Amino acid sequence: MMQVNYQEMPVNVRPKRLRFSVDDYYTMIGLGLLRNVERAEIIDGELIESMPIGNAHASVVKSLAETLRDLLGKSVTFSVQDPIWLDEYNEPIPDLALLKRRSDFYRGKAPLAEDALIVIEVSDSTLDYDRNRKIPLYATAAIPEVWLVNLQNATIELHCHPRDYSFAVVKVFRRGETVVSEILPDLRLSVDDALGIE
């Protein structure tokens, strides 16, 4: 009779999670290993495939981009659905970002967290994910201001003054009100203009 000795394992062992760095992600793309992934953001080392964008979401992103360009002109660089490199394991793709103006328009590499003045997420079906996963990530990266355009409630949440994993100040603006940026005080945007026709 053969006897098998099993090694005692600790009771509370968890499987080890493998994290991908931003560099790993681009290496895999370059090697053709992620051919079926259309577009993904890297959040805490996980590849998160971007959700399809609905018509209302797309319309608000376009309207915001045009309105903000009209208001701010060439004082900032506008980034629409492009990645921002936060750290080795995080490269989210916000809907809009207002970046420090650069003449090369960030050619050669993605903007860094310190390049971002305001990051804007337009949220409908991704509201919980944007609010509870991405906004804390932006706070950790010390992005000075984040707007969450909540299509479900027709509000804009302004998050500013980052500290640790959150923002010290959160203001909620509703239809009929005007968002006034803390980081760009000349930026005033009507919620009605941002959200469009009801």
N, C-alpha and C. Protein backbone atom coordinates (compact mmCIF):
# COMPACT_ATOMS: atom_id res chain seq x y z
N MET A 1 0.83 -1.16 0.00
CA MET A 1 0.00 0.00 0.00
C MET A 1 0.88 1.24 0.00
N MET A 2 0.52 2.19 -0.86
CA MET A 2 1.29 3.42 -0.96
C MET A 2 0.69 4.48 -0.04
N GLN A 3 1.53 5.20 0.65
CA GLN A 3 1.06 6.24 1.56
C GLN A 3 1.46 7.60 0.98
N VAL A 4 0.49 8.50 0.94
CA VAL A 4 0.73 9.85 0.42
C VAL A 4 0.72 10.81 1.60
N ASN A 5 1.74 11.61 1.70
CA ASN A 5 1.81 12.63 2.75
C ASN A 5 1.46 13.99 2.15
N TYR A 6 0.39 14.55 2.65
CA TYR A 6 -0.01 15.88 2.18
C TYR A 6 0.60 16.93 3.08
N GLN A 7 1.11 17.95 2.46
CA GLN A 7 1.72 19.03 3.22
C GLN A 7 0.60 19.87 3.86
N GLU A 8 0.76 20.17 5.11
CA GLU A 8 -0.22 20.99 5.80
C GLU A 8 -0.18 22.41 5.23
N MET A 9 -1.33 22.92 4.91
CA MET A 9 -1.43 24.28 4.39
C MET A 9 -2.13 25.15 5.43
N PRO A 10 -1.72 26.37 5.57
CA PRO A 10 -2.42 27.28 6.48
C PRO A 10 -3.89 27.39 6.07
N VAL A 11 -4.76 27.56 7.03
CA VAL A 11 -6.19 27.57 6.79
C VAL A 11 -6.64 28.77 5.95
N ASN A 12 -6.07 29.92 6.14
CA ASN A 12 -6.55 31.13 5.48
C ASN A 12 -5.68 31.58 4.31
N VAL A 13 -5.29 30.66 3.47
CA VAL A 13 -4.48 31.02 2.30
C VAL A 13 -5.39 31.52 1.20
N ARG A 14 -5.01 32.62 0.59
CA ARG A 14 -5.76 33.15 -0.54
C ARG A 14 -4.91 33.01 -1.80
N PRO A 15 -5.57 32.80 -2.93
CA PRO A 15 -4.80 32.76 -4.17
C PRO A 15 -4.11 34.10 -4.39
N LYS A 16 -2.92 34.04 -4.94
CA LYS A 16 -2.16 35.27 -5.20
C LYS A 16 -2.68 35.90 -6.49
N ARG A 17 -3.01 37.17 -6.40
CA ARG A 17 -3.48 37.91 -7.55
C ARG A 17 -2.29 38.44 -8.31
N LEU A 18 -2.25 38.19 -9.60
CA LEU A 18 -1.18 38.70 -10.44
C LEU A 18 -1.61 40.05 -11.01
N ARG A 19 -0.79 41.04 -10.80
CA ARG A 19 -1.08 42.37 -11.31
C ARG A 19 -0.23 42.64 -12.54
N PHE A 20 -0.86 43.30 -13.51
CA PHE A 20 -0.15 43.71 -14.70
C PHE A 20 0.22 45.18 -14.56
N SER A 21 1.44 45.51 -14.93
CA SER A 21 1.82 46.93 -14.95
C SER A 21 1.34 47.53 -16.27
N VAL A 22 1.36 48.83 -16.33
CA VAL A 22 1.01 49.52 -17.57
C VAL A 22 1.96 49.08 -18.68
N ASP A 23 3.25 48.95 -18.37
CA ASP A 23 4.23 48.49 -19.36
C ASP A 23 3.92 47.07 -19.82
N ASP A 24 3.51 46.18 -18.89
CA ASP A 24 3.12 44.81 -19.26
C ASP A 24 1.99 44.84 -20.28
N TYR A 25 1.01 45.69 -20.03
CA TYR A 25 -0.15 45.81 -20.91
C TYR A 25 0.27 46.17 -22.33
N TYR A 26 1.11 47.20 -22.46
CA TYR A 26 1.53 47.61 -23.80
C TYR A 26 2.46 46.59 -24.45
N THR A 27 3.23 45.88 -23.65
CA THR A 27 4.06 44.80 -24.20
C THR A 27 3.16 43.69 -24.76
N MET A 28 2.11 43.32 -24.02
CA MET A 28 1.19 42.28 -24.50
C MET A 28 0.49 42.72 -25.78
N ILE A 29 0.12 43.99 -25.86
CA ILE A 29 -0.50 44.50 -27.09
C ILE A 29 0.49 44.40 -28.24
N GLY A 30 1.73 44.82 -28.00
CA GLY A 30 2.77 44.78 -29.04
C GLY A 30 3.05 43.38 -29.54
N LEU A 31 2.91 42.39 -28.65
CA LEU A 31 3.14 41.00 -29.02
C LEU A 31 1.90 40.34 -29.63
N GLY A 32 0.81 41.08 -29.71
CA GLY A 32 -0.42 40.53 -30.29
C GLY A 32 -1.18 39.60 -29.36
N LEU A 33 -0.93 39.68 -28.07
CA LEU A 33 -1.57 38.77 -27.12
C LEU A 33 -2.96 39.22 -26.71
N LEU A 34 -3.31 40.45 -26.99
CA LEU A 34 -4.62 40.97 -26.58
C LEU A 34 -5.43 41.43 -27.79
N ARG A 35 -5.45 40.61 -28.81
CA ARG A 35 -6.14 41.00 -30.05
C ARG A 35 -7.64 41.20 -29.87
N ASN A 36 -8.24 40.47 -28.93
CA ASN A 36 -9.69 40.56 -28.75
C ASN A 36 -10.11 41.67 -27.79
N VAL A 37 -9.15 42.39 -27.25
CA VAL A 37 -9.47 43.49 -26.34
C VAL A 37 -9.47 44.78 -27.15
N GLU A 38 -10.65 45.36 -27.29
CA GLU A 38 -10.79 46.60 -28.06
C GLU A 38 -10.08 47.76 -27.37
N ARG A 39 -10.44 47.96 -26.10
CA ARG A 39 -9.92 49.11 -25.36
C ARG A 39 -10.06 48.78 -23.88
N ALA A 40 -8.98 48.96 -23.14
CA ALA A 40 -9.01 48.63 -21.71
C ALA A 40 -8.24 49.68 -20.93
N GLU A 41 -8.66 49.86 -19.69
CA GLU A 41 -7.89 50.68 -18.77
C GLU A 41 -7.26 49.75 -17.74
N ILE A 42 -6.17 50.18 -17.17
CA ILE A 42 -5.47 49.39 -16.15
C ILE A 42 -5.78 50.05 -14.81
N ILE A 43 -6.48 49.30 -13.97
CA ILE A 43 -6.88 49.80 -12.65
C ILE A 43 -6.35 48.83 -11.61
N ASP A 44 -5.43 49.29 -10.78
CA ASP A 44 -4.81 48.47 -9.74
C ASP A 44 -4.26 47.16 -10.32
N GLY A 45 -3.66 47.26 -11.50
CA GLY A 45 -3.04 46.10 -12.13
C GLY A 45 -4.00 45.17 -12.84
N GLU A 46 -5.29 45.49 -12.85
CA GLU A 46 -6.28 44.69 -13.56
C GLU A 46 -6.58 45.35 -14.90
N LEU A 47 -6.78 44.53 -15.92
CA LEU A 47 -7.22 45.05 -17.21
C LEU A 47 -8.73 45.10 -17.19
N ILE A 48 -9.29 46.27 -17.30
CA ILE A 48 -10.74 46.47 -17.27
C ILE A 48 -11.16 46.91 -18.67
N GLU A 49 -11.88 46.03 -19.35
CA GLU A 49 -12.31 46.36 -20.71
C GLU A 49 -13.37 47.45 -20.65
N SER A 50 -13.22 48.45 -21.49
CA SER A 50 -14.16 49.57 -21.51
C SER A 50 -15.53 49.10 -21.97
N MET A 51 -16.55 49.64 -21.30
CA MET A 51 -17.93 49.31 -21.64
C MET A 51 -18.33 50.05 -22.91
N PRO A 52 -19.27 49.49 -23.68
CA PRO A 52 -19.79 50.24 -24.82
C PRO A 52 -20.44 51.54 -24.33
N ILE A 53 -20.31 52.58 -25.10
CA ILE A 53 -20.83 53.89 -24.71
C ILE A 53 -22.20 54.08 -25.35
N GLY A 54 -23.20 54.39 -24.52
CA GLY A 54 -24.56 54.63 -25.01
C GLY A 54 -24.68 56.01 -25.64
N ASN A 55 -25.81 56.23 -26.31
CA ASN A 55 -26.02 57.50 -27.02
C ASN A 55 -26.03 58.70 -26.09
N ALA A 56 -26.71 58.59 -24.93
CA ALA A 56 -26.78 59.72 -24.00
C ALA A 56 -25.38 60.06 -23.48
N HIS A 57 -24.62 59.03 -23.13
CA HIS A 57 -23.25 59.22 -22.63
C HIS A 57 -22.40 59.92 -23.70
N ALA A 58 -22.44 59.39 -24.91
CA ALA A 58 -21.64 59.95 -26.01
C ALA A 58 -22.03 61.40 -26.29
N SER A 59 -23.33 61.67 -26.27
CA SER A 59 -23.81 63.02 -26.54
C SER A 59 -23.31 64.01 -25.49
N VAL A 60 -23.36 63.62 -24.21
CA VAL A 60 -22.91 64.52 -23.13
C VAL A 60 -21.40 64.75 -23.23
N VAL A 61 -20.64 63.70 -23.56
CA VAL A 61 -19.19 63.87 -23.71
C VAL A 61 -18.89 64.88 -24.82
N LYS A 62 -19.57 64.73 -25.96
CA LYS A 62 -19.35 65.66 -27.08
C LYS A 62 -19.75 67.09 -26.70
N SER A 63 -20.91 67.23 -26.06
CA SER A 63 -21.40 68.54 -25.66
C SER A 63 -20.45 69.20 -24.66
N LEU A 64 -20.00 68.43 -23.66
CA LEU A 64 -19.06 68.96 -22.67
C LEU A 64 -17.75 69.40 -23.33
N ALA A 65 -17.23 68.56 -24.21
CA ALA A 65 -15.96 68.89 -24.87
C ALA A 65 -16.09 70.20 -25.64
N GLU A 66 -17.17 70.35 -26.38
CA GLU A 66 -17.36 71.57 -27.17
C GLU A 66 -17.56 72.79 -26.27
N THR A 67 -18.39 72.65 -25.24
CA THR A 67 -18.66 73.77 -24.33
C THR A 67 -17.40 74.19 -23.58
N LEU A 68 -16.64 73.22 -23.09
CA LEU A 68 -15.41 73.54 -22.36
C LEU A 68 -14.37 74.19 -23.27
N ARG A 69 -14.30 73.74 -24.53
CA ARG A 69 -13.37 74.38 -25.48
C ARG A 69 -13.76 75.84 -25.71
N ASP A 70 -15.07 76.07 -25.84
CA ASP A 70 -15.55 77.45 -26.02
C ASP A 70 -15.20 78.32 -24.81
N LEU A 71 -15.32 77.76 -23.61
CA LEU A 71 -15.07 78.52 -22.38
C LEU A 71 -13.59 78.75 -22.11
N LEU A 72 -12.76 77.74 -22.40
CA LEU A 72 -11.35 77.79 -21.99
C LEU A 72 -10.37 78.04 -23.13
N GLY A 73 -10.84 77.90 -24.36
CA GLY A 73 -9.95 78.14 -25.50
C GLY A 73 -8.70 77.31 -25.44
N LYS A 74 -7.56 77.96 -25.65
CA LYS A 74 -6.28 77.25 -25.69
C LYS A 74 -5.52 77.34 -24.37
N SER A 75 -6.21 77.64 -23.28
CA SER A 75 -5.52 77.75 -21.99
C SER A 75 -5.16 76.39 -21.40
N VAL A 76 -5.83 75.33 -21.88
CA VAL A 76 -5.54 73.97 -21.44
C VAL A 76 -5.50 73.07 -22.67
N THR A 77 -4.98 71.87 -22.48
CA THR A 77 -5.04 70.85 -23.53
C THR A 77 -6.21 69.93 -23.19
N PHE A 78 -7.08 69.70 -24.17
CA PHE A 78 -8.25 68.85 -23.96
C PHE A 78 -7.91 67.42 -24.34
N SER A 79 -8.31 66.50 -23.50
CA SER A 79 -8.11 65.08 -23.76
C SER A 79 -9.47 64.40 -23.67
N VAL A 80 -9.88 63.74 -24.75
CA VAL A 80 -11.18 63.08 -24.79
C VAL A 80 -10.97 61.58 -24.91
N GLN A 81 -11.37 60.87 -23.86
CA GLN A 81 -11.30 59.41 -23.79
C GLN A 81 -9.90 58.88 -24.15
N ASP A 82 -8.90 59.52 -23.56
CA ASP A 82 -7.50 59.10 -23.70
C ASP A 82 -6.95 58.74 -22.32
N PRO A 83 -5.97 57.82 -22.27
CA PRO A 83 -5.44 57.40 -20.97
C PRO A 83 -4.60 58.47 -20.27
N ILE A 84 -4.60 58.38 -18.94
CA ILE A 84 -3.72 59.19 -18.09
C ILE A 84 -2.94 58.21 -17.22
N TRP A 85 -1.61 58.33 -17.26
CA TRP A 85 -0.74 57.44 -16.48
C TRP A 85 -0.65 57.97 -15.05
N LEU A 86 -1.19 57.18 -14.11
CA LEU A 86 -1.17 57.61 -12.70
C LEU A 86 0.01 57.02 -11.95
N ASP A 87 0.29 55.75 -12.20
CA ASP A 87 1.44 55.08 -11.59
C ASP A 87 1.66 53.77 -12.33
N GLU A 88 2.58 52.96 -11.85
CA GLU A 88 2.97 51.73 -12.54
C GLU A 88 1.80 50.79 -12.82
N TYR A 89 0.77 50.82 -11.98
CA TYR A 89 -0.34 49.87 -12.10
C TYR A 89 -1.68 50.53 -12.42
N ASN A 90 -1.67 51.79 -12.78
CA ASN A 90 -2.93 52.49 -13.02
C ASN A 90 -2.83 53.44 -14.20
N GLU A 91 -3.65 53.16 -15.21
CA GLU A 91 -3.78 54.05 -16.36
C GLU A 91 -5.25 54.06 -16.79
N PRO A 92 -6.07 54.86 -16.09
CA PRO A 92 -7.48 54.93 -16.45
C PRO A 92 -7.69 55.73 -17.73
N ILE A 93 -8.91 55.60 -18.27
CA ILE A 93 -9.29 56.35 -19.46
C ILE A 93 -10.52 57.19 -19.09
N PRO A 94 -10.32 58.41 -18.61
CA PRO A 94 -11.48 59.25 -18.28
C PRO A 94 -12.17 59.73 -19.55
N ASP A 95 -13.42 60.12 -19.40
CA ASP A 95 -14.15 60.64 -20.56
C ASP A 95 -13.54 61.94 -21.07
N LEU A 96 -13.17 62.81 -20.16
CA LEU A 96 -12.52 64.08 -20.53
C LEU A 96 -11.47 64.41 -19.48
N ALA A 97 -10.45 65.09 -19.92
CA ALA A 97 -9.47 65.62 -18.97
C ALA A 97 -9.00 66.98 -19.49
N LEU A 98 -8.89 67.91 -18.58
CA LEU A 98 -8.30 69.21 -18.89
C LEU A 98 -6.88 69.15 -18.36
N LEU A 99 -5.93 69.24 -19.27
CA LEU A 99 -4.51 69.05 -18.94
C LEU A 99 -3.76 70.37 -19.02
N LYS A 100 -2.63 70.42 -18.34
CA LYS A 100 -1.74 71.57 -18.49
C LYS A 100 -1.37 71.69 -19.96
N ARG A 101 -1.38 72.90 -20.45
CA ARG A 101 -1.09 73.15 -21.86
C ARG A 101 0.34 72.77 -22.19
N ARG A 102 0.49 71.98 -23.25
CA ARG A 102 1.83 71.65 -23.76
C ARG A 102 1.82 71.77 -25.27
N SER A 103 2.87 72.34 -25.82
CA SER A 103 2.92 72.57 -27.27
C SER A 103 3.01 71.27 -28.06
N ASP A 104 3.53 70.19 -27.45
CA ASP A 104 3.63 68.91 -28.17
C ASP A 104 2.38 68.05 -28.01
N PHE A 105 1.38 68.54 -27.27
CA PHE A 105 0.13 67.81 -27.04
C PHE A 105 0.37 66.40 -26.52
N TYR A 106 1.41 66.24 -25.70
CA TYR A 106 1.73 64.96 -25.04
C TYR A 106 2.10 63.87 -26.05
N ARG A 107 2.70 64.27 -27.14
CA ARG A 107 3.17 63.31 -28.13
C ARG A 107 4.27 62.46 -27.50
N GLY A 108 4.23 61.18 -27.72
CA GLY A 108 5.29 60.30 -27.23
C GLY A 108 4.94 59.54 -25.97
N LYS A 109 4.10 60.10 -25.10
CA LYS A 109 3.66 59.36 -23.92
C LYS A 109 2.39 59.98 -23.36
N ALA A 110 1.65 59.16 -22.64
CA ALA A 110 0.40 59.62 -22.05
C ALA A 110 0.68 60.69 -21.00
N PRO A 111 -0.27 61.59 -20.80
CA PRO A 111 -0.12 62.55 -19.72
C PRO A 111 -0.01 61.84 -18.37
N LEU A 112 0.67 62.47 -17.44
CA LEU A 112 0.82 61.92 -16.09
C LEU A 112 -0.21 62.57 -15.17
N ALA A 113 -0.36 62.01 -13.98
CA ALA A 113 -1.31 62.55 -13.00
C ALA A 113 -1.06 64.04 -12.76
N GLU A 114 0.21 64.42 -12.64
CA GLU A 114 0.51 65.83 -12.35
C GLU A 114 0.20 66.77 -13.51
N ASP A 115 -0.08 66.22 -14.69
CA ASP A 115 -0.47 67.04 -15.84
C ASP A 115 -1.96 67.37 -15.83
N ALA A 116 -2.73 66.60 -15.08
CA ALA A 116 -4.19 66.76 -15.07
C ALA A 116 -4.62 67.88 -14.13
N LEU A 117 -5.44 68.76 -14.64
CA LEU A 117 -6.05 69.81 -13.82
C LEU A 117 -7.43 69.36 -13.34
N ILE A 118 -8.24 68.91 -14.30
CA ILE A 118 -9.58 68.40 -13.99
C ILE A 118 -9.80 67.14 -14.81
N VAL A 119 -10.30 66.11 -14.17
CA VAL A 119 -10.70 64.87 -14.84
C VAL A 119 -12.21 64.79 -14.75
N ILE A 120 -12.85 64.42 -15.85
CA ILE A 120 -14.32 64.34 -15.89
C ILE A 120 -14.74 62.94 -16.30
N GLU A 121 -15.58 62.32 -15.48
CA GLU A 121 -16.18 61.03 -15.80
C GLU A 121 -17.67 61.25 -16.02
N VAL A 122 -18.18 60.81 -17.16
CA VAL A 122 -19.62 60.84 -17.43
C VAL A 122 -20.14 59.45 -17.11
N SER A 123 -21.12 59.38 -16.21
CA SER A 123 -21.53 58.08 -15.68
C SER A 123 -23.02 57.85 -15.81
N ASP A 124 -23.33 56.69 -16.34
CA ASP A 124 -24.71 56.21 -16.38
C ASP A 124 -24.67 54.81 -15.81
N SER A 125 -24.42 53.82 -16.66
CA SER A 125 -24.34 52.43 -16.17
C SER A 125 -23.07 52.18 -15.36
N THR A 126 -22.08 53.04 -15.47
CA THR A 126 -20.80 52.84 -14.75
C THR A 126 -20.70 53.70 -13.48
N LEU A 127 -21.82 54.22 -13.01
CA LEU A 127 -21.81 55.16 -11.89
C LEU A 127 -21.11 54.60 -10.65
N ASP A 128 -21.47 53.41 -10.23
CA ASP A 128 -20.88 52.82 -9.03
C ASP A 128 -19.37 52.62 -9.21
N TYR A 129 -18.98 52.10 -10.36
CA TYR A 129 -17.56 51.86 -10.66
C TYR A 129 -16.78 53.18 -10.67
N ASP A 130 -17.32 54.19 -11.34
CA ASP A 130 -16.63 55.48 -11.42
C ASP A 130 -16.50 56.13 -10.04
N ARG A 131 -17.59 56.09 -9.28
CA ARG A 131 -17.59 56.76 -7.97
C ARG A 131 -16.73 56.02 -6.95
N ASN A 132 -16.81 54.70 -6.92
CA ASN A 132 -16.17 53.94 -5.84
C ASN A 132 -14.82 53.34 -6.18
N ARG A 133 -14.49 53.28 -7.45
CA ARG A 133 -13.18 52.73 -7.82
C ARG A 133 -12.27 53.78 -8.44
N LYS A 134 -12.80 54.55 -9.39
CA LYS A 134 -11.94 55.49 -10.10
C LYS A 134 -11.71 56.79 -9.33
N ILE A 135 -12.73 57.34 -8.72
CA ILE A 135 -12.54 58.60 -7.99
C ILE A 135 -11.52 58.44 -6.86
N PRO A 136 -11.58 57.38 -6.04
CA PRO A 136 -10.52 57.20 -5.04
C PRO A 136 -9.12 57.08 -5.66
N LEU A 137 -9.05 56.48 -6.84
CA LEU A 137 -7.78 56.36 -7.55
C LEU A 137 -7.25 57.74 -7.95
N TYR A 138 -8.13 58.60 -8.43
CA TYR A 138 -7.73 59.96 -8.79
C TYR A 138 -7.29 60.74 -7.56
N ALA A 139 -7.97 60.53 -6.43
CA ALA A 139 -7.57 61.20 -5.19
C ALA A 139 -6.19 60.75 -4.76
N THR A 140 -5.94 59.44 -4.82
CA THR A 140 -4.63 58.89 -4.44
C THR A 140 -3.52 59.47 -5.31
N ALA A 141 -3.83 59.71 -6.59
CA ALA A 141 -2.85 60.28 -7.52
C ALA A 141 -2.74 61.80 -7.40
N ALA A 142 -3.49 62.38 -6.48
CA ALA A 142 -3.47 63.83 -6.21
C ALA A 142 -3.93 64.68 -7.39
N ILE A 143 -4.87 64.15 -8.17
CA ILE A 143 -5.48 64.98 -9.21
C ILE A 143 -6.35 66.01 -8.49
N PRO A 144 -6.14 67.30 -8.76
CA PRO A 144 -6.76 68.34 -7.93
C PRO A 144 -8.29 68.38 -7.95
N GLU A 145 -8.88 68.02 -9.10
CA GLU A 145 -10.34 68.15 -9.20
C GLU A 145 -10.89 67.09 -10.14
N VAL A 146 -12.01 66.49 -9.74
CA VAL A 146 -12.69 65.48 -10.56
C VAL A 146 -14.17 65.84 -10.59
N TRP A 147 -14.74 65.79 -11.78
CA TRP A 147 -16.18 65.98 -11.93
C TRP A 147 -16.79 64.64 -12.29
N LEU A 148 -17.87 64.29 -11.61
CA LEU A 148 -18.63 63.09 -11.94
C LEU A 148 -19.98 63.57 -12.47
N VAL A 149 -20.18 63.42 -13.77
CA VAL A 149 -21.43 63.82 -14.39
C VAL A 149 -22.36 62.62 -14.29
N ASN A 150 -23.33 62.73 -13.39
CA ASN A 150 -24.22 61.63 -13.06
C ASN A 150 -25.47 61.74 -13.92
N LEU A 151 -25.54 60.92 -14.97
CA LEU A 151 -26.68 60.98 -15.88
C LEU A 151 -27.93 60.40 -15.24
N GLN A 152 -27.79 59.51 -14.27
CA GLN A 152 -28.96 58.91 -13.62
C GLN A 152 -29.74 59.95 -12.82
N ASN A 153 -29.04 60.84 -12.12
CA ASN A 153 -29.69 61.84 -11.26
C ASN A 153 -29.63 63.25 -11.84
N ALA A 154 -29.06 63.40 -13.02
CA ALA A 154 -28.91 64.71 -13.66
C ALA A 154 -28.20 65.70 -12.74
N THR A 155 -27.04 65.27 -12.22
CA THR A 155 -26.23 66.12 -11.35
C THR A 155 -24.77 66.09 -11.80
N ILE A 156 -24.01 67.05 -11.31
CA ILE A 156 -22.56 67.03 -11.46
C ILE A 156 -21.96 67.12 -10.07
N GLU A 157 -21.16 66.13 -9.72
CA GLU A 157 -20.45 66.13 -8.45
C GLU A 157 -19.05 66.68 -8.70
N LEU A 158 -18.66 67.69 -7.93
CA LEU A 158 -17.32 68.24 -8.03
C LEU A 158 -16.55 67.75 -6.80
N HIS A 159 -15.50 66.97 -7.03
CA HIS A 159 -14.64 66.44 -5.97
C HIS A 159 -13.32 67.20 -6.04
N CYS A 160 -12.89 67.81 -4.91
CA CYS A 160 -11.63 68.55 -4.92
C CYS A 160 -10.91 68.42 -3.59
N HIS A 161 -9.67 68.89 -3.58
CA HIS A 161 -8.78 68.81 -2.41
C HIS A 161 -8.51 67.35 -2.03
N PRO A 162 -7.73 66.64 -2.87
CA PRO A 162 -7.47 65.22 -2.61
C PRO A 162 -6.67 65.00 -1.33
N ARG A 163 -7.00 63.91 -0.65
CA ARG A 163 -6.23 63.48 0.51
C ARG A 163 -6.41 61.97 0.62
N ASP A 164 -5.32 61.27 0.72
CA ASP A 164 -5.33 59.80 0.80
C ASP A 164 -6.17 59.21 -0.32
N TYR A 165 -7.27 58.54 0.04
CA TYR A 165 -8.09 57.83 -0.94
C TYR A 165 -9.41 58.55 -1.25
N SER A 166 -9.50 59.81 -0.85
CA SER A 166 -10.76 60.51 -1.08
C SER A 166 -10.48 62.00 -1.29
N PHE A 167 -11.55 62.72 -1.50
CA PHE A 167 -11.46 64.17 -1.66
C PHE A 167 -12.09 64.83 -0.43
N ALA A 168 -11.46 65.88 0.07
CA ALA A 168 -11.95 66.56 1.27
C ALA A 168 -13.27 67.28 1.02
N VAL A 169 -13.48 67.73 -0.21
CA VAL A 169 -14.69 68.50 -0.53
C VAL A 169 -15.42 67.83 -1.69
N VAL A 170 -16.72 67.63 -1.51
CA VAL A 170 -17.59 67.13 -2.58
C VAL A 170 -18.80 68.06 -2.63
N LYS A 171 -19.02 68.65 -3.80
CA LYS A 171 -20.18 69.53 -3.99
C LYS A 171 -21.05 68.90 -5.08
N VAL A 172 -22.36 68.96 -4.90
CA VAL A 172 -23.29 68.41 -5.88
C VAL A 172 -24.10 69.55 -6.48
N PHE A 173 -24.09 69.63 -7.81
CA PHE A 173 -24.81 70.67 -8.54
C PHE A 173 -25.94 70.03 -9.34
N ARG A 174 -27.11 70.67 -9.31
CA ARG A 174 -28.29 70.14 -10.00
C ARG A 174 -28.67 71.08 -11.16
N ARG A 175 -29.65 70.62 -11.95
CA ARG A 175 -30.16 71.46 -13.04
C ARG A 175 -30.56 72.83 -12.48
N GLY A 176 -30.27 73.86 -13.24
CA GLY A 176 -30.56 75.23 -12.81
C GLY A 176 -29.41 75.86 -12.03
N GLU A 177 -28.38 75.05 -11.70
CA GLU A 177 -27.24 75.56 -10.95
C GLU A 177 -26.01 75.63 -11.86
N THR A 178 -24.97 76.29 -11.37
CA THR A 178 -23.74 76.47 -12.13
C THR A 178 -22.57 75.88 -11.36
N VAL A 179 -21.81 75.03 -12.03
CA VAL A 179 -20.60 74.46 -11.46
C VAL A 179 -19.50 75.51 -11.57
N VAL A 180 -18.83 75.79 -10.46
CA VAL A 180 -17.69 76.70 -10.45
C VAL A 180 -16.48 75.89 -10.02
N SER A 181 -15.52 75.78 -10.90
CA SER A 181 -14.32 74.99 -10.62
C SER A 181 -13.51 75.62 -9.48
N GLU A 182 -12.93 74.77 -8.65
CA GLU A 182 -12.04 75.24 -7.58
C GLU A 182 -10.63 75.48 -8.14
N ILE A 183 -10.20 74.67 -9.09
CA ILE A 183 -8.83 74.74 -9.62
C ILE A 183 -8.72 75.77 -10.75
N LEU A 184 -9.79 75.94 -11.51
CA LEU A 184 -9.84 76.94 -12.59
C LEU A 184 -11.03 77.86 -12.30
N PRO A 185 -10.87 78.85 -11.42
CA PRO A 185 -12.01 79.65 -10.95
C PRO A 185 -12.77 80.39 -12.04
N ASP A 186 -12.15 80.61 -13.19
CA ASP A 186 -12.86 81.25 -14.29
C ASP A 186 -13.78 80.28 -15.02
N LEU A 187 -13.67 79.00 -14.71
CA LEU A 187 -14.50 77.99 -15.36
C LEU A 187 -15.83 77.88 -14.61
N ARG A 188 -16.88 78.34 -15.29
CA ARG A 188 -18.24 78.26 -14.75
C ARG A 188 -19.08 77.59 -15.82
N LEU A 189 -19.77 76.51 -15.43
CA LEU A 189 -20.53 75.72 -16.40
C LEU A 189 -21.91 75.42 -15.85
N SER A 190 -22.92 75.80 -16.60
CA SER A 190 -24.30 75.49 -16.23
C SER A 190 -24.52 73.98 -16.34
N VAL A 191 -25.16 73.41 -15.33
CA VAL A 191 -25.48 71.98 -15.36
C VAL A 191 -26.39 71.70 -16.54
N ASP A 192 -27.33 72.60 -16.82
CA ASP A 192 -28.24 72.42 -17.96
C ASP A 192 -27.46 72.36 -19.27
N ASP A 193 -26.47 73.24 -19.43
CA ASP A 193 -25.65 73.21 -20.65
C ASP A 193 -24.86 71.92 -20.74
N ALA A 194 -24.35 71.45 -19.61
CA ALA A 194 -23.54 70.22 -19.60
C ALA A 194 -24.37 69.00 -19.95
N LEU A 195 -25.58 68.92 -19.38
CA LEU A 195 -26.41 67.73 -19.57
C LEU A 195 -27.28 67.80 -20.81
N GLY A 196 -27.49 68.98 -21.35
CA GLY A 196 -28.32 69.12 -22.53
C GLY A 196 -29.80 69.09 -22.18
N ILE A 197 -30.61 68.93 -23.19
CA ILE A 197 -32.06 68.96 -23.04
C ILE A 197 -32.53 67.74 -22.27
N GLU A 198 -33.51 67.97 -21.36
CA GLU A 198 -34.07 66.85 -20.57
C GLU A 198 -34.89 65.95 -21.45
